[in-house]
């Protein structure tokens, strides 16, 4: 079970100023509100697609016995920035020397007295409660943050697609005007997860499949 203690201060995966620059729009124009709204929509789409939030948050996660055996519990949020406290099922605080975050797997590993990884084993049959900070500092007009560039780029691409689709039927693939020519439009198919294939490709490494 995961409980958010301190939620992210923002959920936007791109800033207005940076998005406007990429879109070739002057920030401070009358389109600002529209772009901000599309950034919010695109950010929610990306979070749903990746099955994870990205903003830095403080959370408390409780793991039952079957989740901590072997290589240790798999964090529900990532990347883990800081472990604040680890307690056993009785509420007893476990010393920081007794565990370490394996960033390559997203798990909390148990350490023996010599600092070497070992299975959590049966001694922790009552489960664990872990308080930690995880996620990225999201970009704003005043701060770049540390969100991976492909995620921000995917957000801007979705915003660009939303802007380009204004005023036209999204199901039309070809618009033909006799004597003048025709225009073709990309229309997402049934198997497409997002409205732009490039955004879907950029986000592929960040999609979470478990838990």
Protein backbone atom coordinates (compact mmCIF):
# COMPACT_ATOMS: atom_id res chain seq x y z
CA UNK A 1 0.00 0.00 0.00
CA UNK A 2 1.34 3.42 -0.93
CA UNK A 3 0.37 6.70 0.73
CA UNK A 4 1.47 10.11 -0.52
CA UNK A 5 2.78 12.20 2.38
CA UNK A 6 3.94 15.25 0.43
CA UNK A 7 2.53 15.53 -3.10
CA UNK A 8 4.42 17.02 -6.02
CA UNK A 9 4.18 20.79 -6.30
CA UNK A 10 3.37 20.44 -10.01
CA UNK A 11 2.33 17.73 -12.46
CA UNK A 12 3.17 19.59 -15.68
CA UNK A 13 5.86 17.76 -17.67
CA UNK A 14 6.82 20.85 -19.66
CA UNK A 15 6.95 24.54 -18.87
CA UNK A 16 5.03 27.16 -20.82
CA UNK A 17 8.15 29.09 -21.84
CA UNK A 18 10.09 26.04 -23.05
CA UNK A 19 7.07 24.54 -24.82
CA UNK A 20 6.27 27.83 -26.53
CA UNK A 21 9.87 28.08 -27.76
CA UNK A 22 9.75 24.56 -29.23
CA UNK A 23 6.38 25.27 -30.80
CA UNK A 24 7.55 28.54 -32.34
CA UNK A 25 5.03 30.53 -30.32
CA UNK A 26 5.90 33.69 -28.41
CA UNK A 27 5.34 33.21 -24.69
CA UNK A 28 3.11 35.91 -23.28
CA UNK A 29 0.69 35.79 -26.20
CA UNK A 30 -3.03 35.19 -26.02
CA UNK A 31 -2.40 31.49 -26.68
CA UNK A 32 -0.67 31.00 -23.32
CA UNK A 33 -3.77 29.73 -21.52
CA UNK A 34 -4.48 27.29 -24.32
CA UNK A 35 -0.92 25.93 -24.31
CA UNK A 36 -0.95 25.57 -20.51
CA UNK A 37 -4.22 23.63 -20.74
CA UNK A 38 -2.78 21.35 -23.41
CA UNK A 39 0.38 20.80 -21.33
CA UNK A 40 -1.81 19.71 -18.43
CA UNK A 41 -3.79 17.36 -20.69
CA UNK A 42 -0.65 15.92 -22.31
CA UNK A 43 0.95 15.40 -18.89
CA UNK A 44 -2.04 13.40 -17.66
CA UNK A 45 -2.00 11.31 -20.85
CA UNK A 46 1.70 10.53 -20.35
CA UNK A 47 1.25 9.61 -16.68
CA UNK A 48 -1.59 7.25 -17.60
CA UNK A 49 0.39 5.78 -20.49
CA UNK A 50 3.51 5.20 -18.37
CA UNK A 51 1.47 4.04 -15.37
CA UNK A 52 3.45 6.25 -13.01
CA UNK A 53 3.67 9.87 -11.82
CA UNK A 54 6.91 11.78 -12.41
CA UNK A 55 6.92 14.70 -9.97
CA UNK A 56 9.05 14.50 -6.81
CA UNK A 57 6.95 13.30 -3.87
CA UNK A 58 7.40 11.94 -0.37
CA UNK A 59 5.55 8.67 0.14
CA UNK A 60 5.10 5.87 2.64
CA UNK A 61 4.92 2.37 1.21
CA UNK A 62 4.03 -0.75 3.15
CA UNK A 63 5.18 -4.16 1.93
CA UNK A 64 3.74 -7.48 3.06
CA UNK A 65 5.91 -10.51 3.69
CA UNK A 66 5.66 -11.97 0.18
CA UNK A 67 6.84 -8.67 -1.31
CA UNK A 68 10.09 -8.45 0.63
CA UNK A 69 11.47 -11.98 0.25
CA UNK A 70 14.48 -12.67 -1.94
CA UNK A 71 15.84 -9.55 -3.63
CA UNK A 72 13.65 -7.25 -1.53
CA UNK A 73 10.58 -5.08 -2.16
CA UNK A 74 10.10 -3.30 -5.45
CA UNK A 75 9.37 0.40 -4.97
CA UNK A 76 6.11 1.65 -6.40
CA UNK A 77 7.66 5.02 -7.24
CA UNK A 78 10.94 5.97 -8.82
CA UNK A 79 13.59 6.99 -9.15
CA UNK A 80 14.19 6.84 -5.40
CA UNK A 81 16.00 10.00 -4.32
CA UNK A 82 16.22 9.49 -0.57
CA UNK A 83 15.20 6.91 2.04
CA UNK A 84 13.78 8.71 5.08
CA UNK A 85 12.93 5.76 7.30
CA UNK A 86 12.54 1.98 7.17
CA UNK A 87 10.53 0.23 9.89
CA UNK A 88 9.64 -3.40 10.47
CA UNK A 89 6.07 -4.55 11.03
CA UNK A 90 6.20 -3.64 14.73
CA UNK A 91 7.25 -0.08 13.95
CA UNK A 92 10.88 -0.51 15.01
CA UNK A 93 13.26 1.71 13.04
CA UNK A 94 15.87 -0.20 11.03
CA UNK A 95 19.35 1.34 10.91
CA UNK A 96 20.43 2.72 7.51
CA UNK A 97 23.40 0.35 7.58
CA UNK A 98 20.94 -2.53 7.22
CA UNK A 99 19.67 -1.69 3.74
CA UNK A 100 20.53 -0.03 0.45
CA UNK A 101 18.59 1.05 -2.65
CA UNK A 102 19.46 -0.93 -5.76
CA UNK A 103 18.82 1.75 -8.38
CA UNK A 104 19.34 -0.67 -11.25
CA UNK A 105 16.32 -2.75 -10.19
CA UNK A 106 14.32 -0.29 -8.09
CA UNK A 107 14.45 -2.56 -5.04
CA UNK A 108 15.39 -2.15 -1.38
CA UNK A 109 18.16 -4.66 -0.63
CA UNK A 110 18.96 -6.03 2.81
CA UNK A 111 22.60 -5.78 3.97
CA UNK A 112 24.44 -8.06 6.34
CA UNK A 113 26.77 -6.86 9.12
CA UNK A 114 29.60 -6.51 6.60
CA UNK A 115 27.57 -4.40 4.19
CA UNK A 116 26.97 -7.14 1.63
CA UNK A 117 23.51 -7.75 0.07
CA UNK A 118 21.58 -10.68 1.44
CA UNK A 119 17.96 -11.92 1.20
CA UNK A 120 15.56 -10.33 3.66
CA UNK A 121 14.63 -13.82 4.84
CA UNK A 122 12.09 -14.96 7.39
CA UNK A 123 13.20 -12.54 10.11
CA UNK A 124 11.14 -9.87 8.39
CA UNK A 125 7.95 -11.88 8.24
CA UNK A 126 5.99 -8.96 9.69
CA UNK A 127 6.66 -6.80 6.61
CA UNK A 128 8.25 -3.41 6.10
CA UNK A 129 7.17 0.22 6.02
CA UNK A 130 9.37 2.59 4.00
CA UNK A 131 9.19 6.38 3.82
CA UNK A 132 11.08 7.81 0.87
CA UNK A 133 11.30 10.60 -1.68
CA UNK A 134 11.01 9.63 -5.33
CA UNK A 135 10.51 11.28 -8.69
CA UNK A 136 11.93 14.18 -10.67
CA UNK A 137 12.06 17.93 -10.22
CA UNK A 138 9.75 19.01 -13.03
CA UNK A 139 10.66 21.88 -15.38
CA UNK A 140 9.23 25.35 -14.79
CA UNK A 141 9.87 28.72 -16.38
CA UNK A 142 12.31 29.43 -13.52
CA UNK A 143 14.01 26.04 -13.18
CA UNK A 144 15.06 23.38 -15.67
CA UNK A 145 14.53 20.53 -13.22
CA UNK A 146 15.93 17.06 -13.89
CA UNK A 147 13.10 15.39 -15.79
CA UNK A 148 14.58 13.24 -18.59
CA UNK A 149 14.46 15.15 -21.87
CA UNK A 150 12.54 12.44 -23.79
CA UNK A 151 9.59 12.82 -21.40
CA UNK A 152 9.48 16.60 -21.78
CA UNK A 153 9.87 16.24 -25.54
CA UNK A 154 6.99 13.75 -25.68
CA UNK A 155 4.80 16.22 -23.78
CA UNK A 156 5.61 19.04 -26.23
CA UNK A 157 4.93 16.73 -29.20
CA UNK A 158 1.50 15.92 -27.81
CA UNK A 159 0.78 19.62 -27.29
CA UNK A 160 1.84 20.32 -30.89
CA UNK A 161 -0.51 17.58 -32.09
CA UNK A 162 -3.39 19.03 -30.10
CA UNK A 163 -2.77 22.47 -31.55
CA UNK A 164 -2.51 21.14 -35.11
CA UNK A 165 -5.76 19.21 -34.75
CA UNK A 166 -7.81 22.28 -33.89
CA UNK A 167 -10.70 22.96 -36.20
CA UNK A 168 -10.53 19.70 -38.16
CA UNK A 169 -12.24 16.33 -37.96
CA UNK A 170 -9.70 14.04 -36.20
CA UNK A 171 -11.03 11.00 -38.09
CA UNK A 172 -10.27 12.44 -41.55
CA UNK A 173 -7.10 10.98 -43.09
CA UNK A 174 -7.12 12.85 -46.41
CA UNK A 175 -8.52 16.29 -47.25
CA UNK A 176 -8.89 16.80 -50.99
CA UNK A 177 -9.82 20.03 -52.73
CA UNK A 178 -10.53 19.52 -56.42
CA UNK A 179 -8.13 21.43 -58.59
CA UNK A 180 -5.86 22.38 -55.69
CA UNK A 181 -4.58 19.07 -54.36
CA UNK A 182 -4.88 17.10 -51.13
CA UNK A 183 -3.43 16.87 -47.63
CA UNK A 184 -2.87 13.70 -45.62
CA UNK A 185 -3.15 13.49 -41.85
CA UNK A 186 -1.92 10.90 -39.40
CA UNK A 187 -4.78 9.23 -37.58
CA UNK A 188 -3.94 6.96 -34.67
CA UNK A 189 -5.02 3.36 -35.15
CA UNK A 190 -6.61 0.94 -32.72
CA UNK A 191 -3.21 -0.38 -31.63
CA UNK A 192 -1.65 3.06 -31.09
CA UNK A 193 -1.35 4.15 -27.47
CA UNK A 194 -0.75 7.84 -28.21
CA UNK A 195 -1.72 10.22 -31.01
CA UNK A 196 1.89 10.60 -32.13
CA UNK A 197 4.19 7.60 -32.72
CA UNK A 198 7.34 9.59 -31.87
CA UNK A 199 6.01 10.42 -28.40
CA UNK A 200 5.16 6.78 -27.81
CA UNK A 201 8.68 5.75 -28.82
CA UNK A 202 10.27 8.38 -26.58
CA UNK A 203 8.27 7.19 -23.58
CA UNK A 204 8.87 3.46 -24.09
CA UNK A 205 11.79 3.25 -21.60
CA UNK A 206 9.70 4.93 -18.88
CA UNK A 207 6.58 2.74 -19.04
CA UNK A 208 6.11 0.84 -15.79
CA UNK A 209 4.65 -2.65 -16.02
CA UNK A 210 4.80 -3.62 -12.33
CA UNK A 211 3.27 -3.17 -9.87
